[in-house]
Amino acid sequence: MPRSDPCRHGRHGVVKLLGVDEVIRSIAWILARLAPVVALGWLLYTAWRRGRLGWAFAAVAVLLAVAWLLAAAAVQTHFHDADGFVDCWPHCGALQTAVSWTLFYGPIYLVLLAVLAAVLAAVDRRRRGTSLLP
């Protein structure tokens, strides 16, 4: 009996293909995590075009910091089982999902937006001719 192709078949000889539902769910999962940073990035870009990048970045940073602190406080005070996001899957409530996203993705979003703001500021300085780069 010929051996099956190991690249095409799973460990036990079962072909593993993603169904349409899994693909749609994966795309929705990715978009849900990218939507906030894209929206905040667009806000920073718009503020940069109007010459208000510094104020907009400060407002976004304060907003993300306050959201993170509120989520951390909810976990510390056991507010409506907010700390249950660790072991609630697959039956997590909206508060648990929001707390977990905020605690994990909030700092990541802040770093990404800080990089975007730094790039926009460098482009602005270069356009004005006051760049530190040659």
N, C-alpha and C. Protein backbone atom coordinates (compact mmCIF):
# COMPACT_ATOMS: atom_id res chain seq x y z
N MET A 1 0.84 -1.18 0.00
CA MET A 1 0.00 0.00 0.00
C MET A 1 0.89 1.24 0.00
N PRO A 2 0.67 2.18 -0.94
CA PRO A 2 1.52 3.38 -1.00
C PRO A 2 1.23 4.31 0.17
N ARG A 3 2.28 4.98 0.58
CA ARG A 3 2.14 5.94 1.68
C ARG A 3 1.49 7.22 1.16
N SER A 4 0.71 7.84 2.04
CA SER A 4 0.06 9.09 1.64
C SER A 4 1.04 10.24 1.75
N ASP A 5 0.80 11.26 0.99
CA ASP A 5 1.63 12.44 0.98
C ASP A 5 1.48 13.18 2.32
N PRO A 6 2.56 13.33 3.12
CA PRO A 6 2.43 13.96 4.44
C PRO A 6 2.09 15.45 4.35
N CYS A 7 2.37 16.08 3.25
CA CYS A 7 2.05 17.50 3.13
C CYS A 7 0.56 17.72 2.91
N ARG A 8 -0.09 16.74 2.29
CA ARG A 8 -1.49 16.91 1.96
C ARG A 8 -2.41 16.43 3.07
N HIS A 9 -1.96 15.49 3.84
CA HIS A 9 -2.79 14.89 4.87
C HIS A 9 -2.28 15.27 6.25
N GLY A 10 -3.19 15.27 7.20
CA GLY A 10 -2.83 15.57 8.58
C GLY A 10 -2.08 14.42 9.20
N ARG A 11 -1.89 14.47 10.48
CA ARG A 11 -1.11 13.48 11.20
C ARG A 11 -1.71 12.08 11.09
N HIS A 12 -3.02 11.99 11.08
CA HIS A 12 -3.69 10.70 11.03
C HIS A 12 -4.29 10.42 9.65
N GLY A 13 -3.78 11.06 8.62
CA GLY A 13 -4.25 10.81 7.28
C GLY A 13 -5.54 11.53 6.93
N VAL A 14 -5.98 12.46 7.77
CA VAL A 14 -7.22 13.18 7.51
C VAL A 14 -6.87 14.52 6.87
N VAL A 15 -7.50 14.83 5.77
CA VAL A 15 -7.25 16.09 5.10
C VAL A 15 -7.89 17.21 5.92
N LYS A 16 -7.09 18.22 6.25
CA LYS A 16 -7.59 19.34 7.04
C LYS A 16 -7.69 20.57 6.15
N LEU A 17 -8.88 20.97 5.84
CA LEU A 17 -9.14 22.16 5.06
C LEU A 17 -10.01 23.10 5.87
N LEU A 18 -9.77 24.38 5.73
CA LEU A 18 -10.60 25.36 6.41
C LEU A 18 -11.89 25.54 5.65
N GLY A 19 -12.98 25.56 6.39
CA GLY A 19 -14.26 25.83 5.77
C GLY A 19 -14.47 27.32 5.60
N VAL A 20 -15.50 27.66 4.90
CA VAL A 20 -15.81 29.07 4.65
C VAL A 20 -16.08 29.79 5.96
N ASP A 21 -16.79 29.13 6.88
CA ASP A 21 -17.10 29.75 8.16
C ASP A 21 -15.84 30.09 8.95
N GLU A 22 -14.86 29.19 8.95
CA GLU A 22 -13.62 29.44 9.68
C GLU A 22 -12.83 30.58 9.06
N VAL A 23 -12.83 30.64 7.73
CA VAL A 23 -12.12 31.73 7.05
C VAL A 23 -12.77 33.07 7.36
N ILE A 24 -14.09 33.13 7.29
CA ILE A 24 -14.81 34.38 7.59
C ILE A 24 -14.59 34.77 9.04
N ARG A 25 -14.62 33.81 9.95
CA ARG A 25 -14.39 34.09 11.36
C ARG A 25 -12.98 34.61 11.59
N SER A 26 -12.00 34.05 10.90
CA SER A 26 -10.62 34.50 11.04
C SER A 26 -10.44 35.91 10.50
N ILE A 27 -11.06 36.21 9.37
CA ILE A 27 -10.96 37.56 8.81
C ILE A 27 -11.64 38.57 9.73
N ALA A 28 -12.79 38.20 10.28
CA ALA A 28 -13.49 39.10 11.22
C ALA A 28 -12.64 39.32 12.47
N TRP A 29 -11.96 38.30 12.94
CA TRP A 29 -11.11 38.41 14.12
C TRP A 29 -9.96 39.39 13.85
N ILE A 30 -9.34 39.28 12.69
CA ILE A 30 -8.24 40.17 12.33
C ILE A 30 -8.73 41.61 12.19
N LEU A 31 -9.85 41.79 11.50
CA LEU A 31 -10.38 43.14 11.30
C LEU A 31 -10.81 43.78 12.61
N ALA A 32 -11.35 42.99 13.53
CA ALA A 32 -11.77 43.54 14.82
C ALA A 32 -10.58 44.05 15.61
N ARG A 33 -9.43 43.42 15.46
CA ARG A 33 -8.24 43.88 16.18
C ARG A 33 -7.56 45.05 15.48
N LEU A 34 -7.69 45.13 14.17
CA LEU A 34 -7.04 46.22 13.43
C LEU A 34 -7.88 47.49 13.35
N ALA A 35 -9.18 47.37 13.47
CA ALA A 35 -10.06 48.54 13.31
C ALA A 35 -9.73 49.69 14.25
N PRO A 36 -9.53 49.46 15.54
CA PRO A 36 -9.22 50.60 16.42
C PRO A 36 -7.92 51.32 16.06
N VAL A 37 -6.87 50.57 15.75
CA VAL A 37 -5.60 51.22 15.43
C VAL A 37 -5.68 51.93 14.08
N VAL A 38 -6.44 51.40 13.14
CA VAL A 38 -6.61 52.09 11.86
C VAL A 38 -7.40 53.38 12.06
N ALA A 39 -8.46 53.33 12.86
CA ALA A 39 -9.25 54.54 13.11
C ALA A 39 -8.43 55.60 13.84
N LEU A 40 -7.68 55.20 14.85
CA LEU A 40 -6.85 56.16 15.57
C LEU A 40 -5.70 56.67 14.70
N GLY A 41 -5.16 55.80 13.86
CA GLY A 41 -4.12 56.22 12.92
C GLY A 41 -4.64 57.23 11.92
N TRP A 42 -5.88 57.02 11.45
CA TRP A 42 -6.48 57.99 10.54
C TRP A 42 -6.69 59.33 11.24
N LEU A 43 -7.07 59.29 12.51
CA LEU A 43 -7.22 60.51 13.29
C LEU A 43 -5.89 61.27 13.38
N LEU A 44 -4.81 60.53 13.63
CA LEU A 44 -3.50 61.17 13.70
C LEU A 44 -3.08 61.73 12.35
N TYR A 45 -3.35 60.99 11.29
CA TYR A 45 -3.01 61.48 9.95
C TYR A 45 -3.77 62.76 9.62
N THR A 46 -5.05 62.78 9.95
CA THR A 46 -5.87 63.97 9.69
C THR A 46 -5.35 65.15 10.52
N ALA A 47 -5.00 64.88 11.77
CA ALA A 47 -4.45 65.95 12.61
C ALA A 47 -3.11 66.44 12.07
N TRP A 48 -2.30 65.55 11.54
CA TRP A 48 -1.01 65.93 10.97
C TRP A 48 -1.22 66.84 9.76
N ARG A 49 -2.21 66.51 8.94
CA ARG A 49 -2.48 67.34 7.76
C ARG A 49 -2.92 68.75 8.15
N ARG A 50 -3.55 68.87 9.32
CA ARG A 50 -4.01 70.18 9.80
C ARG A 50 -3.01 70.86 10.72
N GLY A 51 -1.86 70.23 10.95
CA GLY A 51 -0.83 70.83 11.79
C GLY A 51 -1.06 70.66 13.28
N ARG A 52 -1.83 69.68 13.69
CA ARG A 52 -2.15 69.46 15.10
C ARG A 52 -1.76 68.06 15.58
N LEU A 53 -0.66 67.54 15.07
CA LEU A 53 -0.26 66.17 15.40
C LEU A 53 0.05 66.00 16.88
N GLY A 54 0.75 66.93 17.46
CA GLY A 54 1.14 66.83 18.87
C GLY A 54 -0.06 66.72 19.80
N TRP A 55 -1.04 67.60 19.60
CA TRP A 55 -2.23 67.58 20.44
C TRP A 55 -3.05 66.31 20.23
N ALA A 56 -3.16 65.88 18.99
CA ALA A 56 -3.94 64.68 18.69
C ALA A 56 -3.28 63.44 19.30
N PHE A 57 -1.95 63.35 19.19
CA PHE A 57 -1.28 62.19 19.78
C PHE A 57 -1.42 62.20 21.30
N ALA A 58 -1.31 63.37 21.91
CA ALA A 58 -1.48 63.45 23.37
C ALA A 58 -2.88 63.01 23.77
N ALA A 59 -3.89 63.42 23.02
CA ALA A 59 -5.26 63.03 23.34
C ALA A 59 -5.46 61.52 23.17
N VAL A 60 -4.91 60.95 22.10
CA VAL A 60 -5.03 59.51 21.87
C VAL A 60 -4.29 58.74 22.96
N ALA A 61 -3.10 59.20 23.34
CA ALA A 61 -2.33 58.52 24.39
C ALA A 61 -3.07 58.56 25.72
N VAL A 62 -3.66 59.70 26.05
CA VAL A 62 -4.43 59.82 27.29
C VAL A 62 -5.66 58.91 27.23
N LEU A 63 -6.34 58.88 26.09
CA LEU A 63 -7.51 58.01 25.93
C LEU A 63 -7.15 56.53 26.13
N LEU A 64 -6.07 56.09 25.50
CA LEU A 64 -5.65 54.69 25.67
C LEU A 64 -5.20 54.40 27.10
N ALA A 65 -4.51 55.35 27.72
CA ALA A 65 -4.05 55.14 29.09
C ALA A 65 -5.22 55.06 30.06
N VAL A 66 -6.20 55.93 29.89
CA VAL A 66 -7.38 55.90 30.76
C VAL A 66 -8.16 54.60 30.56
N ALA A 67 -8.32 54.16 29.32
CA ALA A 67 -9.02 52.90 29.05
C ALA A 67 -8.28 51.74 29.70
N TRP A 68 -6.95 51.73 29.61
CA TRP A 68 -6.18 50.65 30.20
C TRP A 68 -6.29 50.67 31.73
N LEU A 69 -6.23 51.86 32.32
CA LEU A 69 -6.34 51.97 33.78
C LEU A 69 -7.73 51.55 34.26
N LEU A 70 -8.77 51.90 33.51
CA LEU A 70 -10.12 51.47 33.88
C LEU A 70 -10.27 49.96 33.80
N ALA A 71 -9.69 49.36 32.77
CA ALA A 71 -9.74 47.90 32.65
C ALA A 71 -8.97 47.23 33.78
N ALA A 72 -7.81 47.77 34.11
CA ALA A 72 -7.02 47.21 35.21
C ALA A 72 -7.76 47.37 36.54
N ALA A 73 -8.42 48.50 36.74
CA ALA A 73 -9.19 48.71 37.97
C ALA A 73 -10.37 47.75 38.04
N ALA A 74 -11.01 47.50 36.91
CA ALA A 74 -12.13 46.55 36.89
C ALA A 74 -11.67 45.15 37.26
N VAL A 75 -10.49 44.77 36.82
CA VAL A 75 -9.95 43.45 37.16
C VAL A 75 -9.60 43.40 38.64
N GLN A 76 -8.96 44.45 39.16
CA GLN A 76 -8.55 44.46 40.56
C GLN A 76 -9.71 44.46 41.53
N THR A 77 -10.81 45.11 41.15
CA THR A 77 -11.96 45.20 42.05
C THR A 77 -13.00 44.11 41.78
N HIS A 78 -12.71 43.20 40.83
CA HIS A 78 -13.63 42.11 40.47
C HIS A 78 -14.98 42.65 40.02
N PHE A 79 -14.97 43.76 39.30
CA PHE A 79 -16.19 44.40 38.82
C PHE A 79 -16.90 43.49 37.83
N HIS A 80 -18.09 43.02 38.20
CA HIS A 80 -18.92 42.15 37.35
C HIS A 80 -18.12 41.02 36.71
N ASP A 81 -17.22 40.41 37.46
CA ASP A 81 -16.40 39.30 37.01
C ASP A 81 -15.51 39.69 35.82
N ALA A 82 -15.00 40.92 35.85
CA ALA A 82 -14.13 41.39 34.76
C ALA A 82 -12.84 40.60 34.70
N ASP A 83 -12.41 40.07 35.86
CA ASP A 83 -11.19 39.28 35.85
C ASP A 83 -11.41 37.87 35.32
N GLY A 84 -12.64 37.53 34.99
CA GLY A 84 -12.94 36.21 34.46
C GLY A 84 -12.58 36.03 33.00
N PHE A 85 -11.98 37.06 32.36
CA PHE A 85 -11.62 36.92 30.95
C PHE A 85 -10.55 35.86 30.74
N VAL A 86 -9.85 35.50 31.79
CA VAL A 86 -8.79 34.51 31.67
C VAL A 86 -9.35 33.12 31.41
N ASP A 87 -10.47 32.79 32.01
CA ASP A 87 -10.98 31.43 31.90
C ASP A 87 -12.44 31.34 31.44
N CYS A 88 -12.94 32.35 30.74
CA CYS A 88 -14.35 32.34 30.37
C CYS A 88 -14.62 31.77 28.98
N TRP A 89 -13.59 31.58 28.17
CA TRP A 89 -13.80 31.15 26.80
C TRP A 89 -14.52 29.82 26.75
N PRO A 90 -15.48 29.59 25.92
CA PRO A 90 -16.00 30.37 24.81
C PRO A 90 -17.23 31.19 25.18
N HIS A 91 -17.53 31.35 26.45
CA HIS A 91 -18.74 32.06 26.87
C HIS A 91 -18.41 33.36 27.58
N CYS A 92 -17.52 34.15 27.00
CA CYS A 92 -17.13 35.42 27.60
C CYS A 92 -18.21 36.47 27.35
N GLY A 93 -18.43 37.30 28.36
CA GLY A 93 -19.36 38.41 28.21
C GLY A 93 -18.69 39.59 27.53
N ALA A 94 -19.46 40.61 27.23
CA ALA A 94 -18.93 41.80 26.55
C ALA A 94 -17.89 42.52 27.41
N LEU A 95 -18.15 42.61 28.72
CA LEU A 95 -17.19 43.27 29.62
C LEU A 95 -15.88 42.50 29.67
N GLN A 96 -15.95 41.19 29.76
CA GLN A 96 -14.73 40.40 29.82
C GLN A 96 -13.93 40.51 28.53
N THR A 97 -14.62 40.52 27.41
CA THR A 97 -13.93 40.68 26.13
C THR A 97 -13.29 42.05 26.02
N ALA A 98 -14.01 43.09 26.41
CA ALA A 98 -13.47 44.45 26.34
C ALA A 98 -12.26 44.61 27.26
N VAL A 99 -12.34 44.04 28.45
CA VAL A 99 -11.23 44.14 29.40
C VAL A 99 -10.00 43.42 28.84
N SER A 100 -10.19 42.24 28.29
CA SER A 100 -9.04 41.49 27.77
C SER A 100 -8.42 42.20 26.58
N TRP A 101 -9.24 42.72 25.67
CA TRP A 101 -8.71 43.45 24.52
C TRP A 101 -7.97 44.70 24.96
N THR A 102 -8.54 45.43 25.92
CA THR A 102 -7.92 46.67 26.37
C THR A 102 -6.59 46.41 27.07
N LEU A 103 -6.55 45.42 27.94
CA LEU A 103 -5.31 45.13 28.66
C LEU A 103 -4.22 44.64 27.73
N PHE A 104 -4.57 43.82 26.75
CA PHE A 104 -3.54 43.28 25.86
C PHE A 104 -3.22 44.21 24.70
N TYR A 105 -4.23 44.69 24.00
CA TYR A 105 -3.99 45.47 22.78
C TYR A 105 -3.76 46.96 23.03
N GLY A 106 -4.18 47.50 24.16
CA GLY A 106 -3.99 48.92 24.44
C GLY A 106 -2.54 49.37 24.34
N PRO A 107 -1.61 48.71 25.04
CA PRO A 107 -0.20 49.11 24.92
C PRO A 107 0.36 48.90 23.51
N ILE A 108 -0.08 47.85 22.84
CA ILE A 108 0.39 47.60 21.47
C ILE A 108 -0.07 48.72 20.55
N TYR A 109 -1.33 49.12 20.68
CA TYR A 109 -1.85 50.22 19.88
C TYR A 109 -1.08 51.50 20.17
N LEU A 110 -0.77 51.75 21.43
CA LEU A 110 -0.05 52.97 21.79
C LEU A 110 1.33 53.00 21.14
N VAL A 111 2.02 51.88 21.14
CA VAL A 111 3.35 51.82 20.51
C VAL A 111 3.23 52.03 19.00
N LEU A 112 2.27 51.36 18.37
CA LEU A 112 2.08 51.53 16.92
C LEU A 112 1.75 52.98 16.56
N LEU A 113 0.90 53.60 17.35
CA LEU A 113 0.53 54.99 17.07
C LEU A 113 1.68 55.96 17.37
N ALA A 114 2.51 55.63 18.35
CA ALA A 114 3.69 56.46 18.63
C ALA A 114 4.67 56.39 17.46
N VAL A 115 4.83 55.21 16.88
CA VAL A 115 5.69 55.07 15.71
C VAL A 115 5.12 55.87 14.54
N LEU A 116 3.81 55.77 14.33
CA LEU A 116 3.17 56.54 13.26
C LEU A 116 3.35 58.04 13.48
N ALA A 117 3.17 58.50 14.70
CA ALA A 117 3.33 59.93 14.99
C ALA A 117 4.78 60.36 14.78
N ALA A 118 5.73 59.52 15.14
CA ALA A 118 7.14 59.86 14.93
C ALA A 118 7.47 59.94 13.44
N VAL A 119 6.93 59.01 12.66
CA VAL A 119 7.17 59.04 11.21
C VAL A 119 6.54 60.29 10.60
N LEU A 120 5.31 60.59 10.98
CA LEU A 120 4.65 61.79 10.45
C LEU A 120 5.40 63.07 10.84
N ALA A 121 5.90 63.11 12.08
CA ALA A 121 6.66 64.29 12.51
C ALA A 121 7.97 64.40 11.73
N ALA A 122 8.62 63.28 11.46
CA ALA A 122 9.85 63.31 10.68
C ALA A 122 9.59 63.77 9.24
N VAL A 123 8.49 63.30 8.66
CA VAL A 123 8.13 63.73 7.31
C VAL A 123 7.84 65.23 7.31
N ASP A 124 7.18 65.71 8.34
CA ASP A 124 6.86 67.14 8.43
C ASP A 124 8.13 67.97 8.54
N ARG A 125 9.05 67.53 9.36
CA ARG A 125 10.32 68.27 9.51
C ARG A 125 11.10 68.25 8.20
N ARG A 126 11.06 67.14 7.53
CA ARG A 126 11.80 67.03 6.25
C ARG A 126 11.18 67.95 5.18
N ARG A 127 9.86 68.06 5.19
CA ARG A 127 9.20 68.95 4.23
C ARG A 127 9.54 70.41 4.50
N ARG A 128 9.67 70.75 5.75
CA ARG A 128 9.99 72.15 6.10
C ARG A 128 11.46 72.49 5.89
N GLY A 129 12.28 71.46 5.72
CA GLY A 129 13.71 71.70 5.54
C GLY A 129 14.46 71.81 6.84
N THR A 130 13.87 71.42 7.96
CA THR A 130 14.52 71.49 9.26
C THR A 130 14.85 70.09 9.76
N SER A 131 14.99 69.15 8.86
CA SER A 131 15.23 67.76 9.24
C SER A 131 16.63 67.61 9.85
N LEU A 132 16.74 66.70 10.77
CA LEU A 132 18.04 66.38 11.36
C LEU A 132 18.81 65.41 10.48
N LEU A 133 18.12 64.83 9.51
CA LEU A 133 18.76 63.90 8.59
C LEU A 133 19.37 64.65 7.42
N PRO A 134 20.42 64.09 6.82
CA PRO A 134 21.05 64.78 5.66
C PRO A 134 20.16 64.72 4.44
